[in-house]
């Protein structure tokens, strides 16, 4: 039986229309939609916020995701971009580390220093962004649970960013940790990423610009 396609929604509230409050509400609604539809992971990636603002939003995101996924068979896990301390403070499932951030084992050391998290029954997840096979190998050796590999097909709105392509994705998928394909992934080319060996796909617009239930159904179709 084929493994279920993992789905990873990366947030960006600036893509929604309206004022600050309207965008915040739209983001929380989209997170509830994603969790209700059975998306595996949500990465809270609102890099413009202060630490205090991010923590406040993260608490709300964790609460909304948990409530929305109660009636589903998949418990959506929230990961906080870069901030292990905030992830621990709000009870998130883990942290996502950009490629220029600390190594995964350093994040785990921070977790181990938190007595409360050590006592928790659920393991703390550490994901990593990778842009080459070398970075994937390093993330694996440094203890990442999985990696997001990008940009496979390019990154919308980012001039000068060269896509790595499906061949590079296939090579990187020889790692023992799961890889999720990111960068220009849509409903038309996602299957090619899975055929190349990816365990799933990640995206911002893929989820924010579409009805998530339709995305989940299409990407997990037999």
Protein backbone atom coordinates (compact mmCIF):
# COMPACT_ATOMS: atom_id res chain seq x y z
CA UNK A 1 0.00 0.00 0.00
CA UNK A 2 1.34 3.42 -0.95
CA UNK A 3 2.28 5.72 1.91
CA UNK A 4 -0.11 8.59 2.57
CA UNK A 5 1.08 11.89 1.11
CA UNK A 6 2.20 14.20 3.92
CA UNK A 7 0.89 17.76 3.66
CA UNK A 8 2.67 20.78 5.13
CA UNK A 9 0.95 24.18 5.15
CA UNK A 10 3.28 27.17 5.60
CA UNK A 11 1.46 30.31 6.73
CA UNK A 12 1.74 33.83 5.37
CA UNK A 13 -1.02 36.12 6.59
CA UNK A 14 0.28 38.98 4.42
CA UNK A 15 -1.21 37.20 1.40
CA UNK A 16 -4.71 37.79 2.71
CA UNK A 17 -6.55 41.01 1.95
CA UNK A 18 -7.64 43.57 4.51
CA UNK A 19 -6.29 45.28 7.57
CA UNK A 20 -4.22 43.67 10.33
CA UNK A 21 -7.19 42.24 12.21
CA UNK A 22 -8.87 40.96 9.05
CA UNK A 23 -5.71 39.17 7.95
CA UNK A 24 -5.29 37.62 11.37
CA UNK A 25 -8.83 36.29 11.34
CA UNK A 26 -8.36 34.99 7.80
CA UNK A 27 -5.20 33.16 8.88
CA UNK A 28 -6.91 31.53 11.86
CA UNK A 29 -9.83 30.50 9.66
CA UNK A 30 -7.44 28.94 7.14
CA UNK A 31 -5.63 27.08 9.92
CA UNK A 32 -8.93 25.71 11.19
CA UNK A 33 -9.78 24.69 7.62
CA UNK A 34 -6.43 22.93 7.22
CA UNK A 35 -6.74 21.05 10.49
CA UNK A 36 -10.33 20.03 9.73
CA UNK A 37 -9.24 18.73 6.33
CA UNK A 38 -6.47 16.55 7.78
CA UNK A 39 -3.32 18.48 6.88
CA UNK A 40 -0.41 16.88 8.76
CA UNK A 41 1.65 19.97 9.65
CA UNK A 42 1.19 23.72 9.86
CA UNK A 43 4.31 25.86 10.04
CA UNK A 44 3.62 29.24 11.62
CA UNK A 45 6.01 31.40 9.62
CA UNK A 46 5.08 35.01 10.40
CA UNK A 47 8.63 36.37 10.45
CA UNK A 48 7.69 40.04 10.72
CA UNK A 49 6.19 39.67 14.19
CA UNK A 50 8.00 40.48 17.42
CA UNK A 51 8.62 37.63 19.85
CA UNK A 52 5.70 38.73 22.02
CA UNK A 53 3.35 39.03 19.03
CA UNK A 54 4.47 35.68 17.64
CA UNK A 55 3.91 33.94 20.97
CA UNK A 56 0.43 35.42 21.30
CA UNK A 57 -0.51 34.34 17.79
CA UNK A 58 1.11 30.93 18.24
CA UNK A 59 -1.01 30.18 21.31
CA UNK A 60 -4.12 30.95 19.31
CA UNK A 61 -2.94 28.88 16.35
CA UNK A 62 -2.21 25.84 18.53
CA UNK A 63 -5.63 26.14 20.17
CA UNK A 64 -7.48 26.51 16.87
CA UNK A 65 -5.62 23.62 15.23
CA UNK A 66 -6.30 21.30 18.14
CA UNK A 67 -9.98 22.13 18.26
CA UNK A 68 -10.41 21.76 14.51
CA UNK A 69 -8.70 18.38 14.31
CA UNK A 70 -10.57 16.77 17.22
CA UNK A 71 -13.05 15.05 14.92
CA UNK A 72 -10.49 13.94 12.34
CA UNK A 73 -8.25 10.88 12.18
CA UNK A 74 -5.16 13.08 11.77
CA UNK A 75 -4.03 15.36 14.60
CA UNK A 76 -2.56 18.38 12.83
CA UNK A 77 0.79 19.37 14.32
CA UNK A 78 1.83 23.02 14.58
CA UNK A 79 5.52 23.90 14.17
CA UNK A 80 6.90 27.36 14.89
CA UNK A 81 9.41 28.81 12.47
CA UNK A 82 12.89 29.19 14.05
CA UNK A 83 11.75 29.90 17.64
CA UNK A 84 12.22 26.76 19.72
CA UNK A 85 11.57 28.76 22.89
CA UNK A 86 8.18 29.94 21.67
CA UNK A 87 7.27 26.48 20.41
CA UNK A 88 7.93 25.11 23.88
CA UNK A 89 6.10 27.95 25.62
CA UNK A 90 2.87 27.51 23.65
CA UNK A 91 2.86 23.71 23.53
CA UNK A 92 3.47 23.44 19.79
CA UNK A 93 4.46 20.10 18.30
CA UNK A 94 7.88 21.32 17.25
CA UNK A 95 10.06 23.84 15.47
CA UNK A 96 11.01 24.41 11.84
CA UNK A 97 14.61 25.53 11.34
CA UNK A 98 15.60 27.59 8.25
CA UNK A 99 18.78 26.45 6.53
CA UNK A 100 20.79 29.29 8.10
CA UNK A 101 19.47 28.65 11.61
CA UNK A 102 20.95 26.56 14.42
CA UNK A 103 21.55 22.87 13.82
CA UNK A 104 18.73 20.47 14.78
CA UNK A 105 20.78 18.99 17.60
CA UNK A 106 21.09 22.43 19.19
CA UNK A 107 17.32 22.77 19.13
CA UNK A 108 17.03 19.39 20.80
CA UNK A 109 19.48 20.48 23.48
CA UNK A 110 17.20 23.43 24.21
CA UNK A 111 14.26 21.05 24.49
CA UNK A 112 16.15 18.74 26.81
CA UNK A 113 16.93 21.72 29.02
CA UNK A 114 13.19 22.20 29.49
CA UNK A 115 12.10 19.80 32.23
CA UNK A 116 8.44 20.17 31.34
CA UNK A 117 9.00 19.07 27.78
CA UNK A 118 11.12 16.10 28.79
CA UNK A 119 8.18 14.85 30.85
CA UNK A 120 5.77 15.29 27.95
CA UNK A 121 4.55 12.10 26.29
CA UNK A 122 4.68 13.53 22.78
CA UNK A 123 8.14 13.91 21.21
CA UNK A 124 9.19 17.38 20.06
CA UNK A 125 9.59 17.54 16.29
CA UNK A 126 12.47 19.31 14.57
CA UNK A 127 12.12 20.01 10.85
CA UNK A 128 14.74 21.66 8.63
CA UNK A 129 14.78 23.63 5.39
CA UNK A 130 17.22 22.25 2.81
CA UNK A 131 18.23 23.45 -0.63
CA UNK A 132 20.73 20.76 -1.66
CA UNK A 133 21.53 17.12 -1.11
CA UNK A 134 24.45 18.19 1.09
CA UNK A 135 22.10 20.11 3.39
CA UNK A 136 19.73 17.14 3.58
CA UNK A 137 22.58 14.82 4.60
CA UNK A 138 23.65 17.35 7.24
CA UNK A 139 20.10 17.76 8.55
CA UNK A 140 19.75 14.01 8.84
CA UNK A 141 23.06 13.61 10.69
CA UNK A 142 22.15 16.52 12.97
CA UNK A 143 18.94 14.82 14.06
CA UNK A 144 16.15 16.45 12.04
CA UNK A 145 12.93 14.44 11.95
CA UNK A 146 12.22 15.50 8.38
CA UNK A 147 13.21 18.16 5.87
CA UNK A 148 11.50 20.53 3.46
CA UNK A 149 13.41 20.60 0.16
CA UNK A 150 13.17 23.71 -2.02
CA UNK A 151 12.70 25.25 -4.44
CA UNK A 152 11.77 22.32 -6.65
CA UNK A 153 9.92 24.21 -9.38
CA UNK A 154 10.79 27.74 -8.36
CA UNK A 155 9.42 30.20 -5.86
CA UNK A 156 6.60 32.50 -6.91
CA UNK A 157 7.53 36.15 -6.74
CA UNK A 158 11.22 35.48 -6.08
CA UNK A 159 13.31 36.67 -9.00
CA UNK A 160 16.70 35.07 -9.35
CA UNK A 161 15.75 31.95 -7.41
CA UNK A 162 16.71 28.94 -9.50
CA UNK A 163 14.65 25.75 -9.12
CA UNK A 164 16.63 22.66 -8.15
CA UNK A 165 14.41 20.37 -10.21
CA UNK A 166 13.04 16.88 -9.85
CA UNK A 167 16.41 15.17 -10.40
CA UNK A 168 17.92 16.92 -7.38
CA UNK A 169 14.81 16.10 -5.36
CA UNK A 170 15.12 12.44 -6.32
CA UNK A 171 18.78 12.37 -5.30
CA UNK A 172 18.03 14.04 -1.96
CA UNK A 173 15.25 11.54 -1.26
CA UNK A 174 17.86 8.83 -0.75
CA UNK A 175 18.15 10.18 2.80
CA UNK A 176 16.59 8.22 5.63
CA UNK A 177 14.49 11.15 6.81
CA UNK A 178 11.29 12.07 4.93
CA UNK A 179 11.52 14.96 2.45
CA UNK A 180 8.67 17.28 1.55
CA UNK A 181 8.83 19.12 -1.77
CA UNK A 182 8.38 22.91 -1.73
CA UNK A 183 8.55 25.67 -4.32
CA UNK A 184 6.04 26.03 -7.12
CA UNK A 185 4.27 22.80 -6.15
CA UNK A 186 0.66 22.66 -7.32
CA UNK A 187 -2.02 20.08 -8.01
CA UNK A 188 -0.64 19.46 -11.48
CA UNK A 189 2.99 18.73 -10.58
CA UNK A 190 2.70 17.35 -7.04
CA UNK A 191 2.48 13.77 -8.31
CA UNK A 192 5.86 14.17 -10.01
CA UNK A 193 7.38 15.10 -6.64
CA UNK A 194 5.91 11.99 -5.02
CA UNK A 195 7.13 9.84 -7.90
CA UNK A 196 10.62 11.32 -7.35
CA UNK A 197 10.56 9.98 -3.80
CA UNK A 198 9.15 12.85 -1.74
CA UNK A 199 7.07 11.83 1.26
CA UNK A 200 4.77 14.77 0.68
CA UNK A 201 4.48 18.38 -0.40
CA UNK A 202 4.64 21.76 1.30
CA UNK A 203 3.39 25.15 0.27
CA UNK A 204 1.89 28.51 1.06
CA UNK A 205 -0.26 29.35 -1.95
CA UNK A 206 -1.15 25.70 -2.51
CA UNK A 207 -3.20 25.89 0.67
CA UNK A 208 -4.04 29.57 1.03
CA UNK A 209 -5.30 30.04 -2.53
CA UNK A 210 -7.35 26.84 -2.73
CA UNK A 211 -10.07 25.06 -0.83
CA UNK A 212 -7.94 22.83 1.37
CA UNK A 213 -10.38 19.94 1.41
CA UNK A 214 -10.03 19.77 -2.38
CA UNK A 215 -6.22 19.87 -2.12
CA UNK A 216 -6.17 17.05 0.42
CA UNK A 217 -8.56 14.93 -1.63
CA UNK A 218 -6.57 15.42 -4.83
CA UNK A 219 -3.15 14.72 -3.33
CA UNK A 220 -4.25 11.69 -1.35
CA UNK A 221 -6.26 10.12 -4.13
CA UNK A 222 -5.48 6.48 -4.76
